[in-house]
Amino acid sequence: MARPQKHRTLPPSSAPAGFADRIDAFIACLNLERGLSHNTQSAYQGDLDACAAFLSKKRRLKTWSDVTAADATAWLHSLRDDGMSAASSARKLTALRVFARQLVRDRLRTDDFTELISSPKLPRRIPGALSETEMKKILAAPTGGDAMAVRDRAILELFYSSGLRVSELSSLTIPQLNPGGGFLRVFGKGAKERVVPVGDKALQALRIYLDAARPAFVRAGKTGAEIFLSERGTAISRKTLWVIVRKYARRAGLEKKVKPHLLRHSFATHLLGGGADLRAIQEMLGHANLATTQVYTAVESGRLLDQHTRFHPRNKG
């Protein structure tokens, strides 16, 4: 079940005349029909505005009906020449592909001008992960019994226990938590719902926080149903969660840069290392495609190779 979206209207497209109206109609479709986030809509609009500006100025085109695959490819080459990374170029091509398909659906074009364009080749990025020892140090870093420490312990435990995205944790509400069943109902990307287990240590930390610490953050007229609250009584922000994670990583003595997503990577990597099924991890992470989850097998393979190299007697010269 999808959670209703709060629709936020973007300002009109800044693209040249002849291009802007179709971009505005496309963004309205994303907002009303597809349930994409405001940030995604804004990114798509910015990419399409930039593409339209190039097509108008450099290719002397007047409307989207005039655009060919060669024109779109020229835009992508210009991004590369300006030093844009392959990943960023690929994201912009994705926006253009979705838009081109919408033009075909709306019968404004008979062909998809992006169909034959190859995506920029991306280097395979293997996500980093903390070791189990490093993770234990971070979880032990919030000390004391004050409300802030109790809250932060619950945040860190839940990040690691359930592999949540930072946006998912910041918007998590009390009705989404089922402590008796030991799970959360999480609304992830595209407002898709999934069920995520919560471990015993995280449940214990959450119970203590909800009973003893959360009331200290409640402010009349400001506090909603969100589980984690700021000092102002409002839902804790993503920025604050980043600060909290960095703070306790430093306190734990970790020199590497630790971000909330690194705890998510560690959650997946440690589950896989412990023998968890890859498809179960996919479901818990909320990945639409198994290939996205399979990148963690490379992390685990790398760990095994390192262990073999270090400890097998035939590798010692």
Protein backbone atom coordinates (compact mmCIF):
# COMPACT_ATOMS: atom_id res chain seq x y z
CA MET A 1 0.00 0.00 0.00
CA ALA A 2 1.38 3.42 -0.92
CA ARG A 3 1.29 6.31 1.50
CA PRO A 4 -0.45 9.42 0.10
CA GLN A 5 2.05 11.97 -1.18
CA LYS A 6 2.11 15.62 -0.22
CA HIS A 7 2.11 17.28 -3.64
CA ARG A 8 4.42 20.28 -3.95
CA THR A 9 4.33 22.34 -7.10
CA LEU A 10 7.60 23.25 -8.79
CA PRO A 11 8.09 26.65 -10.40
CA PRO A 12 7.51 26.69 -14.18
CA SER A 13 10.20 25.33 -16.49
CA SER A 14 12.94 27.78 -17.43
CA ALA A 15 13.43 26.12 -20.84
CA PRO A 16 13.13 28.14 -24.05
CA ALA A 17 9.68 28.69 -25.57
CA GLY A 18 8.61 25.65 -27.55
CA PHE A 19 10.19 23.29 -25.00
CA ALA A 20 8.92 24.53 -21.65
CA ASP A 21 5.23 23.63 -21.95
CA ARG A 22 5.93 19.93 -22.51
CA ILE A 23 8.36 19.86 -19.57
CA ASP A 24 5.73 21.44 -17.30
CA ALA A 25 3.12 18.88 -18.44
CA PHE A 26 5.59 16.05 -17.81
CA ILE A 27 6.41 17.26 -14.29
CA ALA A 28 2.70 17.57 -13.52
CA CYS A 29 2.30 13.95 -14.61
CA LEU A 30 5.15 12.86 -12.33
CA ASN A 31 3.55 14.72 -9.44
CA LEU A 32 -0.03 13.55 -9.83
CA GLU A 33 0.23 10.09 -11.37
CA ARG A 34 3.56 8.50 -10.51
CA GLY A 35 4.08 9.59 -6.92
CA LEU A 36 7.73 10.56 -7.42
CA SER A 37 9.31 12.67 -4.70
CA HIS A 38 9.63 16.44 -4.96
CA ASN A 39 13.42 16.08 -5.17
CA THR A 40 13.17 13.64 -8.10
CA GLN A 41 10.75 15.91 -9.92
CA SER A 42 13.06 18.88 -9.38
CA ALA A 43 16.05 16.92 -10.67
CA TYR A 44 14.15 15.80 -13.79
CA GLN A 45 13.02 19.35 -14.48
CA GLY A 46 16.54 20.73 -14.10
CA ASP A 47 17.97 18.08 -16.44
CA LEU A 48 15.31 18.68 -19.09
CA ASP A 49 15.66 22.46 -18.84
CA ALA A 50 19.41 22.14 -19.39
CA CYS A 51 18.90 19.79 -22.33
CA ALA A 52 16.34 22.11 -23.94
CA ALA A 53 18.66 25.10 -23.55
CA PHE A 54 21.42 23.19 -25.35
CA LEU A 55 19.10 22.01 -28.13
CA SER A 56 17.82 25.53 -28.68
CA LYS A 57 21.17 27.33 -28.59
CA LYS A 58 23.61 24.80 -30.04
CA ARG A 59 21.37 22.76 -32.35
CA ARG A 60 18.95 25.56 -33.36
CA LEU A 61 15.87 23.46 -32.63
CA LYS A 62 12.43 24.87 -31.85
CA THR A 63 10.45 22.05 -30.24
CA TRP A 64 10.82 18.52 -28.90
CA SER A 65 9.32 17.24 -32.14
CA ASP A 66 12.52 18.27 -33.94
CA VAL A 67 14.93 16.38 -31.68
CA THR A 68 16.85 13.40 -33.08
CA ALA A 69 19.10 10.82 -31.45
CA ALA A 70 22.08 12.73 -32.84
CA ASP A 71 20.91 15.91 -31.09
CA ALA A 72 20.50 14.15 -27.76
CA THR A 73 23.87 12.44 -28.15
CA ALA A 74 25.50 15.81 -28.85
CA TRP A 75 24.08 17.08 -25.54
CA LEU A 76 25.52 14.10 -23.67
CA HIS A 77 28.92 14.65 -25.31
CA SER A 78 28.83 18.29 -24.23
CA LEU A 79 28.30 17.19 -20.63
CA ARG A 80 31.32 14.89 -20.87
CA ASP A 81 33.40 17.68 -22.41
CA ASP A 82 32.44 19.92 -19.50
CA GLY A 83 33.90 17.33 -17.12
CA MET A 84 30.68 15.74 -15.89
CA SER A 85 31.07 12.25 -14.44
CA ALA A 86 29.63 9.21 -16.20
CA ALA A 87 27.24 8.66 -13.28
CA SER A 88 25.81 12.18 -13.52
CA SER A 89 25.51 11.93 -17.31
CA ALA A 90 23.71 8.60 -16.96
CA ARG A 91 21.24 10.14 -14.52
CA LYS A 92 20.50 12.96 -16.97
CA LEU A 93 20.01 10.48 -19.79
CA THR A 94 17.54 8.60 -17.60
CA ALA A 95 15.48 11.77 -17.19
CA LEU A 96 15.53 12.32 -20.95
CA ARG A 97 14.52 8.69 -21.63
CA VAL A 98 11.52 8.87 -19.29
CA PHE A 99 10.49 12.17 -20.86
CA ALA A 100 10.86 10.86 -24.46
CA ARG A 101 8.67 7.85 -23.68
CA GLN A 102 6.03 10.19 -22.27
CA LEU A 103 6.05 12.17 -25.52
CA VAL A 104 5.34 8.94 -27.39
CA ARG A 105 2.54 7.98 -24.98
CA ASP A 106 0.99 11.41 -25.44
CA ARG A 107 1.23 10.93 -29.23
CA LEU A 108 3.38 14.01 -29.62
CA ARG A 109 6.01 11.85 -31.29
CA THR A 110 5.84 8.54 -33.12
CA ASP A 111 9.36 7.51 -32.08
CA ASP A 112 11.53 7.49 -28.96
CA PHE A 113 14.60 9.52 -29.92
CA THR A 114 16.59 8.10 -26.97
CA GLU A 115 15.99 4.44 -27.83
CA LEU A 116 19.29 3.89 -29.65
CA ILE A 117 21.45 5.99 -27.33
CA SER A 118 23.88 3.96 -25.20
CA SER A 119 24.19 4.85 -21.55
CA PRO A 120 27.61 6.04 -20.33
CA LYS A 121 29.61 3.13 -18.95
CA LEU A 122 29.79 3.34 -15.19
CA PRO A 123 32.65 1.93 -13.13
CA ARG A 124 31.35 -0.70 -10.77
CA ARG A 125 31.35 0.84 -7.33
CA ILE A 126 31.66 -1.55 -4.45
CA PRO A 127 30.05 -0.07 -1.34
CA GLY A 128 32.22 0.26 1.72
CA ALA A 129 31.23 -1.29 5.01
CA LEU A 130 32.32 -1.07 8.61
CA SER A 131 33.68 -4.15 10.31
CA GLU A 132 31.57 -5.72 13.04
CA THR A 133 34.08 -4.41 15.60
CA GLU A 134 33.82 -0.86 14.25
CA MET A 135 30.04 -1.12 14.27
CA LYS A 136 30.03 -2.22 17.90
CA LYS A 137 32.19 0.77 18.84
CA ILE A 138 29.76 3.21 17.21
CA LEU A 139 26.74 1.60 18.87
CA ALA A 140 28.47 1.88 22.26
CA ALA A 141 29.49 5.53 21.73
CA PRO A 142 26.31 7.26 23.06
CA THR A 143 26.82 7.01 26.81
CA GLY A 144 24.75 8.30 29.70
CA GLY A 145 21.07 8.30 30.55
CA ASP A 146 20.02 11.73 29.35
CA ALA A 147 17.26 11.99 26.74
CA MET A 148 19.65 12.91 23.92
CA ALA A 149 21.91 9.91 24.50
CA VAL A 150 18.94 7.55 24.79
CA ARG A 151 17.50 8.90 21.53
CA ASP A 152 20.80 8.63 19.69
CA ARG A 153 21.36 5.05 20.87
CA ALA A 154 17.96 4.09 19.46
CA ILE A 155 18.75 5.84 16.16
CA LEU A 156 22.07 4.06 15.69
CA GLU A 157 20.68 0.68 16.71
CA LEU A 158 17.80 1.02 14.27
CA PHE A 159 20.03 2.15 11.39
CA TYR A 160 22.17 -0.95 11.81
CA SER A 161 19.39 -3.37 12.72
CA SER A 162 17.09 -2.59 9.80
CA GLY A 163 19.25 -1.01 7.09
CA LEU A 164 17.00 2.01 6.68
CA ARG A 165 17.72 4.93 4.37
CA VAL A 166 18.22 8.21 6.21
CA SER A 167 14.99 9.62 4.70
CA GLU A 168 13.07 6.55 5.87
CA LEU A 169 14.31 6.84 9.44
CA SER A 170 13.67 10.58 9.69
CA SER A 171 10.03 10.19 8.57
CA LEU A 172 9.32 7.02 10.56
CA THR A 173 6.11 7.29 12.62
CA ILE A 174 4.92 5.45 15.73
CA PRO A 175 2.09 3.60 13.87
CA GLN A 176 4.70 2.10 11.52
CA LEU A 177 6.38 0.28 14.41
CA ASN A 178 5.04 -3.08 15.57
CA PRO A 179 7.18 -3.88 18.63
CA GLY A 180 5.22 -7.06 19.43
CA GLY A 181 5.80 -8.43 15.96
CA GLY A 182 9.36 -7.14 15.80
CA PHE A 183 9.04 -5.27 12.52
CA LEU A 184 8.51 -1.89 10.84
CA ARG A 185 6.36 -0.93 7.89
CA VAL A 186 8.59 1.35 5.87
CA PHE A 187 7.65 3.63 2.98
CA GLY A 188 10.66 3.81 0.70
CA LYS A 189 11.36 5.22 -2.75
CA GLY A 190 8.22 5.88 -4.75
CA ALA A 191 6.20 5.47 -1.52
CA LYS A 192 6.51 1.68 -1.86
CA GLU A 193 5.79 -0.15 1.37
CA ARG A 194 7.93 -2.96 2.71
CA VAL A 195 8.18 -4.86 5.99
CA VAL A 196 11.55 -4.69 7.73
CA PRO A 197 12.55 -6.76 10.78
CA VAL A 198 13.87 -5.01 13.88
CA GLY A 199 16.40 -6.86 16.03
CA ASP A 200 16.10 -7.39 19.77
CA LYS A 201 18.76 -4.83 20.73
CA ALA A 202 17.15 -2.18 18.52
CA LEU A 203 13.67 -2.96 19.89
CA GLN A 204 14.97 -2.63 23.43
CA ALA A 205 16.60 0.72 22.63
CA LEU A 206 13.41 1.93 20.95
CA ARG A 207 11.22 0.93 23.91
CA ILE A 208 13.46 2.79 26.34
CA TYR A 209 13.51 5.86 24.09
CA LEU A 210 9.74 5.93 23.53
CA ASP A 211 8.93 5.42 27.21
CA ALA A 212 11.60 7.48 28.92
CA ALA A 213 13.18 9.93 26.46
CA ARG A 214 10.79 10.90 23.66
CA PRO A 215 8.41 12.74 26.05
CA ALA A 216 11.29 15.14 26.82
CA PHE A 217 11.34 16.21 23.14
CA VAL A 218 7.57 16.68 22.75
CA ARG A 219 6.48 20.30 22.21
CA ALA A 220 2.81 21.31 22.19
CA GLY A 221 1.63 22.29 18.74
CA LYS A 222 4.81 21.11 17.05
CA THR A 223 5.11 17.39 17.64
CA GLY A 224 3.52 14.88 15.30
CA ALA A 225 3.62 11.10 15.18
CA GLU A 226 7.26 10.83 14.07
CA ILE A 227 9.29 8.54 16.27
CA PHE A 228 12.51 10.54 16.37
CA LEU A 229 12.24 14.18 17.41
CA SER A 230 14.58 17.13 17.42
CA GLU A 231 15.14 19.45 20.36
CA ARG A 232 12.46 21.71 18.85
CA GLY A 233 9.91 18.88 19.03
CA THR A 234 9.67 18.45 15.26
CA ALA A 235 10.62 15.40 13.21
CA ILE A 236 14.37 14.93 13.20
CA SER A 237 15.90 16.07 9.91
CA ARG A 238 18.13 14.09 7.58
CA LYS A 239 20.89 16.63 8.15
CA THR A 240 20.73 16.07 11.92
CA LEU A 241 20.94 12.31 11.41
CA TRP A 242 24.13 12.80 9.37
CA VAL A 243 25.56 14.92 12.20
CA ILE A 244 24.64 12.29 14.80
CA VAL A 245 26.29 9.46 12.88
CA ARG A 246 29.50 11.45 12.28
CA LYS A 247 29.59 12.57 15.91
CA TYR A 248 29.53 9.04 17.33
CA ALA A 249 31.90 7.67 14.70
CA ARG A 250 34.47 10.24 15.83
CA ARG A 251 33.74 9.48 19.47
CA ALA A 252 34.28 5.79 18.70
CA GLY A 253 37.73 6.64 17.35
CA LEU A 254 37.00 5.86 13.69
CA GLU A 255 39.12 7.91 11.31
CA LYS A 256 37.16 7.07 8.16
CA LYS A 257 34.20 9.19 7.06
CA VAL A 258 31.07 7.52 8.36
CA LYS A 259 27.68 8.46 6.88
CA PRO A 260 24.23 6.99 7.54
CA HIS A 261 24.37 5.08 4.26
CA LEU A 262 27.54 3.34 5.44
CA LEU A 263 25.50 1.82 8.28
CA ARG A 264 23.02 0.57 5.66
CA HIS A 265 25.88 -0.96 3.68
CA SER A 266 27.23 -2.57 6.85
CA PHE A 267 23.80 -4.01 7.65
CA ALA A 268 23.63 -5.71 4.24
CA THR A 269 27.25 -6.85 4.19
CA HIS A 270 27.10 -8.39 7.67
CA LEU A 271 23.84 -10.18 6.87
CA LEU A 272 25.36 -11.65 3.72
CA GLY A 273 28.51 -12.64 5.59
CA GLY A 274 26.36 -14.40 8.16
CA GLY A 275 24.68 -16.50 5.49
CA ALA A 276 21.48 -14.53 4.77
CA ASP A 277 19.73 -15.13 1.45
CA LEU A 278 20.41 -12.42 -1.13
CA ARG A 279 16.74 -12.06 -2.05
CA ALA A 280 15.79 -11.60 1.60
CA ILE A 281 18.38 -8.82 1.84
CA GLN A 282 16.94 -7.29 -1.34
CA GLU A 283 13.48 -7.18 0.25
CA MET A 284 14.78 -5.67 3.48
CA LEU A 285 16.71 -2.96 1.63
CA GLY A 286 13.80 -2.19 -0.66
CA HIS A 287 15.79 -2.68 -3.87
CA ALA A 288 13.58 -3.01 -6.95
CA ASN A 289 16.27 -4.97 -8.80
CA LEU A 290 18.30 -7.89 -7.44
CA ALA A 291 21.33 -6.65 -9.39
CA THR A 292 21.47 -3.64 -7.05
CA THR A 293 21.76 -5.97 -4.07
CA GLN A 294 24.29 -8.27 -5.75
CA VAL A 295 26.99 -5.62 -5.41
CA TYR A 296 27.31 -6.76 -1.78
CA THR A 297 28.52 -10.15 -2.95
CA ALA A 298 31.61 -8.37 -4.29
CA VAL A 299 32.26 -6.94 -0.82
CA GLU A 300 31.97 -10.38 0.74
CA SER A 301 34.13 -11.96 -1.99
CA GLY A 302 36.79 -9.34 -1.37
CA ARG A 303 36.78 -10.11 2.35
CA LEU A 304 37.15 -13.84 1.70
CA LEU A 305 40.02 -13.29 -0.74
CA ASP A 306 41.78 -11.09 1.80
CA GLN A 307 41.38 -13.77 4.48
CA HIS A 308 42.68 -16.45 2.11
CA THR A 309 45.69 -14.36 1.12
CA ARG A 310 46.57 -13.59 4.72
CA PHE A 311 46.08 -16.97 6.32
CA HIS A 312 46.40 -19.81 3.82
CA PRO A 313 49.81 -21.51 4.30
CA ARG A 314 50.47 -21.68 0.54
CA ASN A 315 50.20 -17.90 0.27
CA LYS A 316 53.06 -17.31 2.69
CA GLY A 317 56.35 -17.06 0.91
